[in-house]
Amino acid sequence: MMIKNYFPKTFFALLLTVYGASLAQAQTVTIALSGDINNFDPAQTASIGTDLSVLSNVYPALILRAPDRRLTPSLATKWVALDDNTWDFTLVSNAHFINGEPIDAQTVAWNINRILNKKKVTVAASWYSRIQEVIILSPTHLQIKTSSPFPALPDQLSMLFLLPPEWTQTHDPSHEVSSGGPYIIDEIVPGDHVSMHANPDYFGPQASFKKAVYRIIPEITTALYALETGAVDYVSKIPTAQLKQISRQPDLIAGSTPSIWSVFIKINTEIPPFNNEIVRKALNYAVDKKSIVATIFNNQTTTSTCQVLTPAYFGYNKDLTAYKYAPETARKLIKQSGINLNQVYEFDIPRGSYLQGDEVALAVQQMFQAVGIKTKLRLIDFGNYIAKYRKTHKLAPLSLLGQAWPTLDADGFLSLFQTGNPYSYWNNPLFDAALQTGDSTTNHDLRQNAYMQATQIMCEQAPVVFMYTEPATYAHAKRVLMTPRGDGWLRAFDMHLRPNSL
């Protein structure tokens, strides 16, 4: 007896094709980036949320910072301080780039020397300026000598991504890529996307998703539509008011977590009347920070406690309290200062750089106006803002700024306000001396005391209007299993496919 087959072979072929496409999509994670990748050379960029997030998937690192902010082994299996100026590192064996070049102690030394080469200045050079020498003891053993104590060196090395030396000498890494990390790049379409697949020969744990795609979507409305339709799996920098609505959708998860970004009003203390600390204190009393957190951010974050450090940083001063909202006190101080109330001061806002920054700036402008200080808001591209800020050193009298430091250590973050630093528009010898004390020892208690002094001085002198910690908002497909992180890293290898999601 024969049973007739009522399903043609083409049906099964079609079924397999559909299933295969569905499986491939399930094994791909797509991440929305709010900005384009400007440079593919990890030594020539400090942009964590875009450039370095993408490159961290491609190039290996000695040490990685996990989503819970702990330092974890990668190429380096262990590290220890032998004395104040010597760090010892043990590396994995038999690691290599996709072109066969070894990833070993020689590779580490070459990359550090490349960054510190004075003939070709790199963005990352200042991060490692205290490194004096790299001593290669074997392919899997090296020591780093520093010119002075560098207790945050392991933290800073979590920002060091290694290029293959031979490949780099015949290629331009600013726009060409190799790999020795968890993923290998397949395609780069500037302004649109970067796609990659898992590196089967990576020395570390294999990535959960077989493919990863970073899509450039500057507009948050467009990014959220892409999330809702399944075109992307992860979106960040979402206005806090939209989080509840997104969470109601059965296939999505949304929320926020404390970030390491401190948002403040940067004051150019090098020009009058803002070289007068009385004026700067008045500005701090003039701003109702609790109202901003409540109305603009739906209480999804906290106000700054008279310091730029957030609780995530070593050196955070628990004894400081925020300037209270006291407009009458602000008016008295302004009158005492003798400031010209007819003057209109420029107030720069880097376009799209900070979560709901435009709303914050408008609120602050109104609060300044209420105590007699007139300002003119100017939305400018972030690139132009940085050019004014660092290259020409002609910052506007006031500007909205968010800053962080990836080591989560006060020595790096506070150095942005130290005399002589290109990012500083403030000069205070007592503050500088406190930082120098903290930088000159590896003793935990001595360092903490030094940074408590530095933050106390900064609070009293008010070179900024202390505002709030920027909330790290996010939304992602429920099939993606991940730990939300507040340090800006968007790494595909941190994301996992939820069990039973295929």
Protein backbone atom coordinates (compact mmCIF):
# COMPACT_ATOMS: atom_id res chain seq x y z
CA MET A 1 0.00 0.00 0.00
CA MET A 2 1.33 3.41 -0.92
CA ILE A 3 0.62 6.70 0.84
CA LYS A 4 0.44 9.63 -1.48
CA ASN A 5 2.64 12.63 -0.59
CA TYR A 6 0.43 15.69 -0.83
CA PHE A 7 3.30 18.14 -0.08
CA PRO A 8 5.59 18.96 -3.00
CA LYS A 9 9.33 19.19 -2.47
CA THR A 10 9.18 22.93 -3.07
CA PHE A 11 7.03 23.30 0.06
CA PHE A 12 9.69 21.67 2.25
CA ALA A 13 12.38 23.74 0.59
CA LEU A 14 10.40 26.88 1.32
CA LEU A 15 9.80 25.75 4.91
CA LEU A 16 13.52 25.16 5.44
CA THR A 17 14.32 28.56 3.91
CA VAL A 18 11.88 30.36 6.20
CA TYR A 19 13.09 28.43 9.25
CA GLY A 20 16.71 29.13 8.33
CA ALA A 21 16.04 32.84 7.93
CA SER A 22 14.17 32.91 11.25
CA LEU A 23 17.03 31.08 12.98
CA ALA A 24 19.61 33.46 11.51
CA GLN A 25 17.59 36.47 12.67
CA ALA A 26 17.26 34.98 16.16
CA GLN A 27 21.02 34.54 16.36
CA THR A 28 21.65 38.18 15.37
CA VAL A 29 21.59 41.09 17.81
CA THR A 30 21.07 44.57 16.39
CA ILE A 31 22.06 47.60 18.46
CA ALA A 32 20.99 51.16 17.72
CA LEU A 33 23.74 53.77 18.00
CA SER A 34 22.83 57.42 18.47
CA GLY A 35 25.88 58.59 16.49
CA ASP A 36 28.20 57.46 13.71
CA ILE A 37 31.63 55.90 14.26
CA ASN A 38 34.16 58.67 13.71
CA ASN A 39 37.40 56.69 13.97
CA PHE A 40 38.18 52.97 13.91
CA ASP A 41 41.57 53.43 15.56
CA PRO A 42 41.00 52.80 19.29
CA ALA A 43 44.02 54.95 20.17
CA GLN A 44 42.49 57.94 18.40
CA THR A 45 39.08 58.14 20.02
CA ALA A 46 37.58 58.60 23.47
CA SER A 47 33.94 58.08 22.41
CA ILE A 48 32.77 55.15 24.53
CA GLY A 49 29.14 55.12 23.41
CA THR A 50 29.99 54.82 19.70
CA ASP A 51 33.57 54.24 18.46
CA LEU A 52 35.02 52.29 21.37
CA SER A 53 31.85 50.26 21.97
CA VAL A 54 32.05 48.93 18.42
CA LEU A 55 35.82 48.43 18.51
CA SER A 56 35.70 46.59 21.85
CA ASN A 57 34.02 43.73 19.98
CA VAL A 58 36.81 43.59 17.43
CA TYR A 59 40.12 44.22 19.17
CA PRO A 60 41.38 42.36 22.27
CA ALA A 61 41.95 44.01 25.63
CA LEU A 62 44.19 43.14 28.56
CA ILE A 63 41.36 43.75 31.03
CA LEU A 64 37.64 44.34 30.58
CA ARG A 65 35.11 46.10 32.77
CA ALA A 66 32.07 43.88 33.21
CA PRO A 67 28.49 45.21 33.21
CA ASP A 68 28.58 45.16 37.03
CA ARG A 69 31.61 47.52 36.79
CA ARG A 70 34.11 44.98 38.12
CA LEU A 71 37.42 44.55 36.32
CA THR A 72 37.60 41.09 34.78
CA PRO A 73 40.41 39.15 33.07
CA SER A 74 40.66 39.05 29.31
CA LEU A 75 44.10 38.76 27.66
CA ALA A 76 45.58 39.26 31.14
CA THR A 77 44.62 36.38 33.45
CA LYS A 78 45.97 38.18 36.52
CA TRP A 79 47.73 41.38 37.52
CA VAL A 80 49.38 42.58 40.71
CA ALA A 81 51.24 45.66 41.94
CA LEU A 82 54.78 44.62 42.93
CA ASP A 83 55.51 48.08 44.33
CA ASP A 84 54.23 51.64 43.90
CA ASN A 85 55.67 51.92 40.39
CA THR A 86 55.60 48.33 39.04
CA TRP A 87 52.67 46.26 37.80
CA ASP A 88 53.04 42.59 36.83
CA PHE A 89 50.77 40.94 34.23
CA THR A 90 50.28 37.30 33.25
CA LEU A 91 48.72 36.69 29.83
CA VAL A 92 46.87 33.83 28.16
CA SER A 93 48.89 31.70 25.77
CA ASN A 94 48.37 30.99 22.07
CA ALA A 95 46.10 33.97 21.39
CA HIS A 96 46.29 35.41 17.86
CA PHE A 97 44.75 37.92 15.46
CA ILE A 98 42.82 36.73 12.41
CA ASN A 99 45.91 37.25 10.24
CA GLY A 100 47.91 34.89 12.45
CA GLU A 101 49.90 37.51 14.36
CA PRO A 102 50.32 36.57 18.02
CA ILE A 103 48.57 38.51 20.76
CA ASP A 104 51.28 38.42 23.39
CA ALA A 105 53.49 40.58 25.61
CA GLN A 106 55.32 41.96 22.57
CA THR A 107 51.98 43.04 21.08
CA VAL A 108 51.01 44.81 24.31
CA ALA A 109 54.36 46.63 24.48
CA TRP A 110 54.14 47.69 20.82
CA ASN A 111 50.64 49.12 21.28
CA ILE A 112 51.58 51.08 24.40
CA ASN A 113 54.69 52.47 22.72
CA ARG A 114 52.61 53.42 19.68
CA ILE A 115 50.18 55.37 21.85
CA LEU A 116 53.00 57.18 23.66
CA ASN A 117 54.99 57.94 20.49
CA LYS A 118 55.50 61.71 20.61
CA LYS A 119 56.02 61.89 16.85
CA LYS A 120 52.37 61.00 16.26
CA VAL A 121 50.08 62.30 18.98
CA THR A 122 47.20 60.02 19.93
CA VAL A 123 44.03 60.86 21.83
CA ALA A 124 44.80 58.13 24.36
CA ALA A 125 48.36 59.33 25.12
CA SER A 126 47.42 61.34 28.20
CA TRP A 127 45.74 58.30 29.74
CA TYR A 128 49.02 56.40 29.85
CA SER A 129 51.53 59.24 30.24
CA ARG A 130 52.81 57.82 33.53
CA ILE A 131 53.95 54.61 31.84
CA GLN A 132 57.73 54.73 31.68
CA GLU A 133 58.61 51.29 30.35
CA VAL A 134 57.11 47.94 29.36
CA ILE A 135 59.38 45.02 30.24
CA ILE A 136 58.78 41.79 28.31
CA LEU A 137 59.71 38.78 30.46
CA SER A 138 58.16 36.14 28.17
CA PRO A 139 55.35 35.95 25.60
CA THR A 140 52.88 35.57 28.49
CA HIS A 141 54.55 37.71 31.14
CA LEU A 142 55.24 41.45 31.24
CA GLN A 143 55.74 44.28 33.68
CA ILE A 144 54.77 47.93 33.36
CA LYS A 145 56.94 50.51 35.08
CA THR A 146 55.45 53.92 35.84
CA SER A 147 57.16 57.22 36.57
CA SER A 148 54.98 57.72 39.67
CA PRO A 149 52.33 55.67 41.49
CA PHE A 150 49.46 54.77 39.15
CA PRO A 151 46.90 52.90 41.28
CA ALA A 152 44.23 53.18 38.58
CA LEU A 153 46.40 51.62 35.84
CA PRO A 154 44.40 48.34 35.61
CA ASP A 155 41.20 50.40 35.33
CA GLN A 156 42.74 52.55 32.60
CA LEU A 157 43.97 49.47 30.74
CA SER A 158 40.34 48.43 30.31
CA MET A 159 40.34 51.17 27.65
CA LEU A 160 43.40 49.77 25.82
CA PHE A 161 42.46 47.81 22.70
CA LEU A 162 45.27 46.10 20.83
CA LEU A 163 46.00 46.37 17.11
CA PRO A 164 48.07 43.76 15.23
CA PRO A 165 51.51 45.42 14.79
CA GLU A 166 52.45 44.08 11.35
CA TRP A 167 48.98 44.72 9.91
CA THR A 168 48.92 48.26 11.27
CA GLN A 169 52.16 49.17 9.52
CA THR A 170 50.60 48.47 6.11
CA HIS A 171 47.02 49.61 6.81
CA ASP A 172 45.29 52.74 8.08
CA PRO A 173 43.40 51.69 11.23
CA SER A 174 41.42 54.93 11.28
CA HIS A 175 39.13 53.44 8.62
CA GLU A 176 40.39 49.85 8.11
CA VAL A 177 39.87 47.02 10.59
CA SER A 178 41.38 43.71 11.54
CA SER A 179 40.33 41.57 14.51
CA GLY A 180 41.55 39.54 17.44
CA GLY A 181 38.46 40.02 19.60
CA PRO A 182 35.08 38.29 19.96
CA TYR A 183 33.82 39.45 16.55
CA ILE A 184 35.10 40.00 13.00
CA ILE A 185 33.70 42.91 11.00
CA ASP A 186 31.98 41.99 7.73
CA GLU A 187 30.78 45.35 6.45
CA ILE A 188 31.04 49.05 7.24
CA VAL A 189 28.55 51.45 5.67
CA PRO A 190 29.32 54.93 7.06
CA GLY A 191 26.29 56.64 8.53
CA ASP A 192 24.22 53.45 8.29
CA HIS A 193 25.60 50.31 9.93
CA VAL A 194 28.50 48.06 10.91
CA SER A 195 27.95 44.29 10.78
CA MET A 196 30.13 41.53 12.24
CA HIS A 197 30.17 37.81 12.94
CA ALA A 198 31.52 35.83 15.89
CA ASN A 199 35.24 35.02 15.77
CA PRO A 200 35.56 31.21 16.08
CA ASP A 201 39.23 31.49 17.07
CA TYR A 202 38.79 34.11 19.81
CA PHE A 203 40.86 33.20 22.87
CA GLY A 204 38.05 34.17 25.26
CA PRO A 205 34.43 33.02 25.69
CA GLN A 206 32.48 32.75 22.46
CA ALA A 207 29.89 35.42 21.84
CA SER A 208 26.29 34.33 22.44
CA PHE A 209 25.00 35.90 19.22
CA LYS A 210 26.52 34.60 15.99
CA LYS A 211 26.10 37.98 14.32
CA ALA A 212 25.94 41.54 15.58
CA VAL A 213 24.86 44.69 13.77
CA TYR A 214 25.27 48.30 14.94
CA ARG A 215 22.77 50.57 13.17
CA ILE A 216 23.30 54.34 13.19
CA ILE A 217 19.98 55.93 14.20
CA PRO A 218 20.45 59.46 15.59
CA GLU A 219 16.74 60.21 16.09
CA ILE A 220 15.28 58.52 19.18
CA THR A 221 11.78 58.38 17.66
CA THR A 222 13.13 56.45 14.68
CA ALA A 223 15.16 54.17 16.94
CA LEU A 224 12.14 53.32 19.09
CA TYR A 225 10.04 52.56 16.00
CA ALA A 226 12.81 50.22 14.83
CA LEU A 227 12.72 48.52 18.24
CA GLU A 228 8.94 48.11 18.20
CA THR A 229 9.01 46.60 14.70
CA GLY A 230 11.90 44.25 15.51
CA ALA A 231 14.44 45.99 13.26
CA VAL A 232 16.72 46.57 16.26
CA ASP A 233 17.03 44.82 19.63
CA TYR A 234 18.51 47.55 21.82
CA VAL A 235 18.04 51.31 22.15
CA SER A 236 19.50 53.73 24.70
CA LYS A 237 19.07 57.41 25.61
CA ILE A 238 15.29 57.18 25.82
CA PRO A 239 13.35 60.07 27.41
CA THR A 240 12.34 58.88 30.87
CA ALA A 241 8.66 59.70 30.30
CA GLN A 242 8.47 57.00 27.61
CA LEU A 243 9.85 54.11 29.67
CA LYS A 244 6.51 52.99 31.18
CA GLN A 245 4.78 52.97 27.81
CA ILE A 246 7.53 50.85 26.26
CA SER A 247 7.45 48.41 29.20
CA ARG A 248 3.77 47.71 28.55
CA GLN A 249 4.66 45.99 25.27
CA PRO A 250 4.90 42.23 25.86
CA ASP A 251 8.09 41.67 23.86
CA LEU A 252 10.09 44.63 25.23
CA ILE A 253 11.89 45.54 28.44
CA ALA A 254 12.64 49.16 29.39
CA GLY A 255 14.17 50.91 32.38
CA SER A 256 17.03 53.00 33.68
CA THR A 257 20.11 52.51 35.81
CA PRO A 258 22.43 55.03 37.49
CA SER A 259 25.13 56.18 35.10
CA ILE A 260 28.67 57.36 35.77
CA TRP A 261 27.96 60.59 33.86
CA SER A 262 27.75 63.79 35.84
CA VAL A 263 25.87 66.62 34.14
CA PHE A 264 26.62 70.20 35.15
CA ILE A 265 26.76 73.74 33.85
CA LYS A 266 30.37 74.35 32.88
CA ILE A 267 31.44 77.87 33.88
CA ASN A 268 34.25 79.63 32.08
CA THR A 269 35.97 81.03 35.18
CA GLU A 270 38.68 82.63 33.04
CA ILE A 271 36.43 85.49 31.99
CA PRO A 272 34.52 88.08 34.07
CA PRO A 273 32.16 88.06 35.85
CA PHE A 274 32.51 84.30 36.26
CA ASN A 275 36.01 84.61 37.67
CA ASN A 276 34.19 85.78 40.79
CA GLU A 277 33.25 82.88 43.08
CA ILE A 278 30.34 84.91 44.50
CA VAL A 279 28.68 84.87 41.06
CA ARG A 280 29.33 81.15 40.66
CA LYS A 281 27.78 80.37 44.05
CA ALA A 282 24.77 82.50 43.14
CA LEU A 283 24.23 80.40 40.02
CA ASN A 284 24.26 77.25 42.14
CA TYR A 285 21.64 78.66 44.51
CA ALA A 286 19.53 79.78 41.56
CA VAL A 287 18.90 76.29 40.12
CA ASP A 288 16.14 74.05 41.48
CA LYS A 289 17.85 70.75 40.75
CA LYS A 290 15.25 68.62 42.57
CA SER A 291 12.53 70.08 40.39
CA ILE A 292 14.52 69.28 37.23
CA VAL A 293 15.02 65.67 38.35
CA ALA A 294 11.33 65.31 39.22
CA THR A 295 9.71 67.02 36.24
CA ILE A 296 12.14 66.32 33.40
CA PHE A 297 13.50 62.92 34.48
CA ASN A 298 10.50 61.54 36.39
CA ASN A 299 12.73 60.97 39.42
CA GLN A 300 14.77 58.43 37.47
CA THR A 301 18.01 59.95 38.78
CA THR A 302 19.47 61.96 41.67
CA THR A 303 20.87 65.45 42.12
CA SER A 304 24.62 65.98 42.49
CA THR A 305 25.90 66.44 46.03
CA CYS A 306 28.08 69.48 45.35
CA GLN A 307 30.60 67.40 43.39
CA VAL A 308 31.05 66.09 39.88
CA LEU A 309 31.81 62.58 41.16
CA THR A 310 28.93 60.14 41.38
CA PRO A 311 28.77 57.38 44.04
CA ALA A 312 30.27 54.94 41.49
CA TYR A 313 33.71 56.60 41.77
CA PHE A 314 36.52 55.94 44.18
CA GLY A 315 37.06 59.26 45.93
CA TYR A 316 33.37 60.16 46.16
CA ASN A 317 32.82 62.46 49.13
CA LYS A 318 29.88 61.24 51.24
CA ASP A 319 30.11 64.28 53.53
CA LEU A 320 29.10 66.87 50.92
CA THR A 321 25.56 68.17 50.48
CA ALA A 322 24.06 69.93 47.50
CA TYR A 323 23.56 73.67 47.23
CA LYS A 324 19.96 74.22 48.29
CA TYR A 325 17.53 75.99 45.99
CA ALA A 326 17.55 79.53 47.40
CA PRO A 327 16.73 82.20 44.76
CA GLU A 328 16.68 84.97 47.37
CA THR A 329 20.21 84.06 48.44
CA ALA A 330 21.20 84.02 44.75
CA ARG A 331 19.82 87.54 44.24
CA LYS A 332 21.67 88.88 47.30
CA LEU A 333 24.96 87.38 46.10
CA ILE A 334 24.44 88.75 42.59
CA LYS A 335 23.80 92.22 44.00
CA GLN A 336 26.89 91.87 46.21
CA SER A 337 29.04 90.88 43.21
CA GLY A 338 28.18 94.00 41.22
CA ILE A 339 27.54 92.02 38.04
CA ASN A 340 26.07 93.92 35.08
CA LEU A 341 22.49 92.61 34.86
CA ASN A 342 22.01 94.11 31.39
CA GLN A 343 24.61 91.78 29.90
CA VAL A 344 23.38 88.70 28.00
CA TYR A 345 25.67 85.68 28.37
CA GLU A 346 26.06 82.88 25.82
CA PHE A 347 24.88 79.48 27.02
CA ASP A 348 25.98 76.65 24.69
CA ILE A 349 24.11 73.34 24.43
CA PRO A 350 25.85 70.51 22.50
CA ARG A 351 23.10 69.24 20.22
CA GLY A 352 21.75 65.77 21.11
CA SER A 353 24.64 64.96 23.43
CA TYR A 354 22.81 64.58 26.73
CA LEU A 355 19.51 62.98 27.59
CA GLN A 356 16.80 65.66 27.41
CA GLY A 357 19.54 68.29 27.51
CA ASP A 358 17.47 70.86 25.62
CA GLU A 359 14.73 70.68 28.25
CA VAL A 360 17.26 71.02 31.07
CA ALA A 361 18.88 74.05 29.44
CA LEU A 362 15.53 75.81 29.01
CA ALA A 363 14.65 75.20 32.66
CA VAL A 364 18.03 76.50 33.83
CA GLN A 365 17.76 79.55 31.59
CA GLN A 366 14.43 80.44 33.21
CA MET A 367 15.88 79.95 36.71
CA PHE A 368 18.85 82.19 35.90
CA GLN A 369 16.45 84.78 34.49
CA ALA A 370 14.43 84.69 37.72
CA VAL A 371 17.47 85.91 39.69
CA GLY A 372 18.50 88.51 37.11
CA ILE A 373 21.01 86.63 34.93
CA LYS A 374 20.17 86.84 31.21
CA THR A 375 21.41 84.12 28.87
CA LYS A 376 21.14 83.24 25.19
CA LEU A 377 20.85 79.53 24.43
CA ARG A 378 22.81 78.26 21.43
CA LEU A 379 22.44 74.71 20.11
CA ILE A 380 25.71 73.66 18.48
CA ASP A 381 27.03 70.40 17.06
CA PHE A 382 29.13 68.42 19.50
CA GLY A 383 32.16 68.53 17.20
CA ASN A 384 32.05 72.33 17.11
CA TYR A 385 31.56 72.43 20.85
CA ILE A 386 34.66 70.27 21.45
CA ALA A 387 36.65 72.46 19.05
CA LYS A 388 35.76 75.52 21.14
CA TYR A 389 36.24 73.66 24.39
CA ARG A 390 39.59 72.00 23.80
CA LYS A 391 41.26 73.07 20.56
CA THR A 392 40.76 76.83 20.62
CA HIS A 393 40.10 77.10 24.37
CA LYS A 394 37.31 79.61 23.80
CA LEU A 395 34.44 78.11 25.72
CA ALA A 396 31.27 80.17 26.10
CA PRO A 397 30.67 81.70 29.55
CA LEU A 398 28.15 78.92 30.28
CA SER A 399 27.51 75.53 28.70
CA LEU A 400 25.72 72.30 29.47
CA LEU A 401 28.25 69.50 29.83
CA GLY A 402 28.27 65.86 30.87
CA GLN A 403 31.52 64.14 31.78
CA ALA A 404 32.72 60.82 33.16
CA TRP A 405 35.96 58.90 33.51
CA PRO A 406 36.13 55.20 32.57
CA THR A 407 38.48 54.19 35.41
CA LEU A 408 35.80 55.17 37.97
CA ASP A 409 38.60 56.79 39.93
CA ALA A 410 38.69 60.40 41.13
CA ASP A 411 42.25 60.90 39.90
CA GLY A 412 41.11 60.87 36.27
CA PHE A 413 37.80 62.68 36.57
CA LEU A 414 39.03 65.48 38.82
CA SER A 415 42.09 66.01 36.63
CA LEU A 416 39.71 67.53 34.07
CA PHE A 417 39.57 70.56 36.39
CA GLN A 418 43.26 70.69 37.23
CA THR A 419 45.38 73.69 36.23
CA GLY A 420 46.99 73.08 32.85
CA ASN A 421 44.58 70.37 31.73
CA PRO A 422 43.19 71.37 28.30
CA TYR A 423 39.67 70.63 29.56
CA SER A 424 40.02 72.87 32.61
CA TYR A 425 38.82 76.47 32.79
CA TRP A 426 39.67 76.85 36.46
CA ASN A 427 42.84 77.49 38.45
CA ASN A 428 43.06 76.63 42.16
CA PRO A 429 46.45 75.77 43.73
CA LEU A 430 44.88 74.08 46.79
CA PHE A 431 42.76 71.83 44.56
CA ASP A 432 45.83 71.00 42.45
CA ALA A 433 47.85 70.15 45.57
CA ALA A 434 45.14 67.80 46.85
CA LEU A 435 45.08 65.97 43.51
CA GLN A 436 48.85 65.68 43.51
CA THR A 437 48.72 64.12 46.98
CA GLY A 438 46.15 61.58 45.82
CA ASP A 439 48.23 60.79 42.74
CA SER A 440 51.48 60.25 44.63
CA THR A 441 50.51 57.19 46.66
CA THR A 442 48.80 53.81 46.33
CA ASN A 443 47.57 53.96 49.94
CA HIS A 444 43.79 53.69 49.82
CA ASP A 445 43.05 55.86 52.86
CA LEU A 446 45.52 58.60 51.93
CA ARG A 447 44.05 58.79 48.45
CA GLN A 448 40.48 58.95 49.74
CA ASN A 449 41.37 61.77 52.15
CA ALA A 450 43.11 63.72 49.39
CA TYR A 451 40.11 63.48 47.08
CA MET A 452 37.74 64.46 49.89
CA GLN A 453 39.83 67.63 50.28
CA ALA A 454 39.77 68.26 46.52
CA THR A 455 36.00 67.82 46.23
CA GLN A 456 35.43 70.05 49.29
CA ILE A 457 37.47 72.83 47.68
CA MET A 458 35.64 72.40 44.40
CA CYS A 459 32.27 72.56 46.16
CA GLU A 460 33.20 75.82 47.89
CA GLN A 461 34.70 77.45 44.80
CA ALA A 462 31.92 76.25 42.46
CA PRO A 463 33.64 76.19 39.05
CA VAL A 464 30.46 74.53 37.77
CA VAL A 465 26.78 74.52 38.64
CA PHE A 466 26.42 71.03 40.12
CA MET A 467 23.31 69.42 38.60
CA TYR A 468 22.55 65.67 38.48
CA THR A 469 23.69 62.22 37.45
CA GLU A 470 22.45 61.45 33.96
CA PRO A 471 20.11 58.43 34.00
CA ALA A 472 21.17 55.60 31.69
CA THR A 473 17.86 54.69 30.03
CA TYR A 474 17.43 51.67 27.80
CA ALA A 475 14.95 49.38 26.09
CA HIS A 476 15.57 46.00 24.50
CA ALA A 477 13.83 42.97 23.06
CA LYS A 478 12.84 40.44 25.69
CA ARG A 479 14.76 37.73 23.84
CA VAL A 480 17.97 39.57 24.75
CA LEU A 481 19.34 38.76 28.18
CA MET A 482 21.66 41.42 29.56
CA THR A 483 22.70 43.48 32.58
CA PRO A 484 21.98 47.18 32.01
CA ARG A 485 25.15 49.22 32.43
CA GLY A 486 25.54 52.87 33.22
CA ASP A 487 29.05 53.47 31.90
CA GLY A 488 28.16 53.96 28.24
CA TRP A 489 29.54 50.71 26.82
CA LEU A 490 27.27 49.05 24.23
CA ARG A 491 28.98 45.70 23.66
CA ALA A 492 27.43 42.91 21.63
CA PHE A 493 29.40 40.30 23.58
CA ASP A 494 27.72 41.48 26.81
CA MET A 495 24.36 40.45 25.35
CA HIS A 496 23.02 36.91 25.41
CA LEU A 497 20.20 35.07 23.73
CA ARG A 498 17.56 34.27 26.33
CA PRO A 499 17.02 30.50 26.68
CA ASN A 500 14.13 29.07 24.61
CA SER A 501 14.10 32.18 22.39
CA LEU A 502 14.82 30.35 19.15
